[in-house]
Amino acid sequence: MAASVLIRRAVFTDIPTLLKLLTLLFSIEKDFVFNIEKQEQGLRLLLAENRAAVFVAEEDGQVIGMCSGQLLISTAEGGPSALVEDVVVLPDWQGKGLGCRLLTAVSEWAASQGASRVQLLADRNNVPALAFYQKTAFQITEMICLRRTI
């Protein structure tokens, strides 16, 4: 079943389905409120950006998961690193290795762009997600996320 799933780069015609996946993701994350106009604008910017990539998992023409990444310059790394965002797989498909495959696709893309590290933010209360990330070789650091709206 999961072996027949195709991992590919997202295209603009995927946006309506990606928005549905983001609705699911944002329902879990307490720090974000889904806003269709903002999320659509963000997806359009990501898909048009050379230093970003969105990957989807597709089964029989249906997008069932997504993961995005974008490059940053890291002074710690002395070069590019990648920020992974929006890792989400439909509930019926979770636990079948698709999240791992999506993260691998983003990591391979980032490495091909010269990145030596991938990093992500996760909701500290999303225990299943934290366990998944640790299982996929992400390490919890001493860093915390702070933000300010401007």
Protein backbone atom coordinates (compact mmCIF):
# COMPACT_ATOMS: atom_id res chain seq x y z
CA MET A 1 0.00 0.00 0.00
CA ALA A 2 2.54 2.67 1.08
CA ALA A 3 5.09 1.32 -1.42
CA SER A 4 2.87 2.51 -4.28
CA VAL A 5 2.86 6.06 -2.92
CA LEU A 6 4.75 8.53 -5.09
CA ILE A 7 6.82 11.27 -3.44
CA ARG A 8 7.13 14.26 -5.78
CA ARG A 9 7.54 18.03 -5.84
CA ALA A 10 4.29 19.89 -5.38
CA VAL A 11 2.91 22.05 -8.18
CA PHE A 12 0.50 24.98 -8.12
CA THR A 13 -2.49 22.77 -8.97
CA ASP A 14 -1.88 20.91 -5.68
CA ILE A 15 -2.65 24.02 -3.63
CA PRO A 16 -6.34 23.24 -2.86
CA THR A 17 -5.37 19.85 -1.43
CA LEU A 18 -2.37 21.31 0.40
CA LEU A 19 -4.70 23.80 2.05
CA LYS A 20 -6.82 20.91 3.36
CA LEU A 21 -3.70 19.29 4.80
CA LEU A 22 -2.71 22.58 6.44
CA THR A 23 -6.19 22.83 7.98
CA LEU A 24 -5.53 19.47 9.63
CA LEU A 25 -2.05 20.48 10.76
CA PHE A 26 -3.11 23.84 12.16
CA SER A 27 -5.93 22.19 14.12
CA ILE A 28 -3.18 20.45 16.13
CA GLU A 29 -0.81 23.41 16.56
CA LYS A 30 -1.92 25.87 19.22
CA ASP A 31 0.34 28.70 18.00
CA PHE A 32 -1.29 29.04 14.58
CA VAL A 33 -4.77 29.80 13.32
CA PHE A 34 -5.72 28.62 9.87
CA ASN A 35 -6.38 31.50 7.48
CA ILE A 36 -7.01 30.27 3.95
CA GLU A 37 -5.85 33.48 2.26
CA LYS A 38 -2.57 33.59 4.19
CA GLN A 39 -1.86 29.89 3.81
CA GLU A 40 -2.59 30.00 0.07
CA GLN A 41 -0.31 33.00 -0.31
CA GLY A 42 2.42 31.19 1.63
CA LEU A 43 2.12 28.08 -0.53
CA ARG A 44 2.28 30.16 -3.71
CA LEU A 45 5.42 31.89 -2.46
CA LEU A 46 7.05 28.57 -1.51
CA LEU A 47 6.25 26.98 -4.86
CA ALA A 48 7.68 29.97 -6.74
CA GLU A 49 10.85 30.20 -4.62
CA ASN A 50 14.14 28.61 -5.78
CA ARG A 51 15.34 28.26 -2.20
CA ALA A 52 12.25 26.34 -1.08
CA ALA A 53 10.63 23.04 -1.92
CA VAL A 54 7.31 21.41 -1.12
CA PHE A 55 7.04 17.65 -1.46
CA VAL A 56 3.84 15.64 -1.52
CA ALA A 57 2.95 12.00 -1.04
CA GLU A 58 0.47 10.90 -3.71
CA GLU A 59 -1.54 7.68 -4.01
CA ASP A 60 -3.67 7.11 -7.12
CA GLY A 61 -3.68 10.83 -7.92
CA GLN A 62 -4.68 11.88 -4.38
CA VAL A 63 -2.27 13.94 -2.27
CA ILE A 64 -2.18 12.34 1.18
CA GLY A 65 0.75 14.14 2.80
CA MET A 66 3.13 17.05 2.47
CA CYS A 67 6.37 18.50 3.80
CA SER A 68 8.03 21.81 2.98
CA GLY A 69 11.53 23.11 3.45
CA GLN A 70 13.41 26.28 2.79
CA LEU A 71 17.03 27.28 2.89
CA LEU A 72 18.56 29.68 5.38
CA ILE A 73 22.14 30.78 5.86
CA SER A 74 23.53 29.47 9.13
CA THR A 75 26.50 31.18 10.74
CA ALA A 76 26.85 28.08 12.96
CA GLU A 77 27.14 25.85 9.90
CA GLY A 78 29.03 28.39 7.80
CA GLY A 79 26.59 27.88 4.95
CA PRO A 80 23.06 26.82 4.11
CA SER A 81 20.79 24.93 6.45
CA ALA A 82 17.17 24.01 5.86
CA LEU A 83 14.10 24.78 7.89
CA VAL A 84 11.48 22.05 7.56
CA GLU A 85 7.86 23.07 7.99
CA ASP A 86 4.38 21.72 7.46
CA VAL A 87 4.96 17.99 7.91
CA VAL A 88 1.50 16.42 7.72
CA VAL A 89 0.07 13.09 6.58
CA LEU A 90 -3.62 12.22 6.53
CA PRO A 91 -4.56 10.18 9.64
CA ASP A 92 -5.43 7.00 7.70
CA TRP A 93 -1.92 7.03 6.19
CA GLN A 94 0.07 7.78 9.34
CA GLY A 95 2.40 5.06 10.59
CA LYS A 96 3.10 3.74 7.09
CA GLY A 97 6.46 5.46 6.56
CA LEU A 98 5.21 8.39 4.49
CA GLY A 99 6.36 11.04 6.94
CA CYS A 100 9.84 9.50 6.85
CA ARG A 101 9.82 9.45 3.06
CA LEU A 102 8.70 13.10 2.90
CA LEU A 103 11.41 14.17 5.37
CA THR A 104 13.97 12.21 3.36
CA ALA A 105 12.88 13.99 0.17
CA VAL A 106 13.24 17.40 1.81
CA SER A 107 16.58 16.43 3.37
CA GLU A 108 17.95 15.15 0.05
CA TRP A 109 16.79 18.32 -1.69
CA ALA A 110 18.43 20.45 1.03
CA ALA A 111 21.69 18.50 0.76
CA SER A 112 21.65 18.97 -3.02
CA GLN A 113 21.44 22.71 -2.35
CA GLY A 114 24.51 22.60 -0.09
CA ALA A 115 22.75 22.43 3.27
CA SER A 116 24.52 20.53 6.02
CA ARG A 117 21.65 20.52 8.53
CA VAL A 118 17.86 20.37 8.61
CA GLN A 119 15.91 21.67 11.54
CA LEU A 120 12.28 22.09 12.43
CA LEU A 121 9.94 23.44 15.04
CA ALA A 122 7.39 21.20 16.69
CA ASP A 123 4.57 21.77 19.13
CA ARG A 124 5.97 20.77 22.53
CA ASN A 125 2.61 19.18 23.45
CA ASN A 126 2.36 17.03 20.32
CA VAL A 127 3.86 13.91 21.86
CA PRO A 128 3.28 11.65 18.82
CA ALA A 129 5.01 14.16 16.53
CA LEU A 130 7.96 14.54 18.89
CA ALA A 131 8.36 10.76 19.07
CA PHE A 132 8.17 10.56 15.27
CA TYR A 133 10.85 13.22 14.81
CA GLN A 134 13.18 11.54 17.30
CA LYS A 135 12.63 8.22 15.50
CA THR A 136 13.70 9.93 12.25
CA ALA A 137 17.02 11.13 13.78
CA PHE A 138 15.96 14.64 14.78
CA GLN A 139 17.46 15.60 18.12
CA ILE A 140 15.91 17.85 20.72
CA THR A 141 18.21 20.80 21.34
CA GLU A 142 18.56 23.34 24.12
CA MET A 143 17.18 26.00 21.78
CA ILE A 144 13.63 27.33 22.12
CA CYS A 145 11.61 29.26 19.62
CA LEU A 146 10.73 32.88 20.32
CA ARG A 147 8.75 35.06 17.96
CA ARG A 148 7.49 38.58 17.61
CA THR A 149 4.86 39.82 15.20
CA ILE A 150 5.92 42.87 13.20
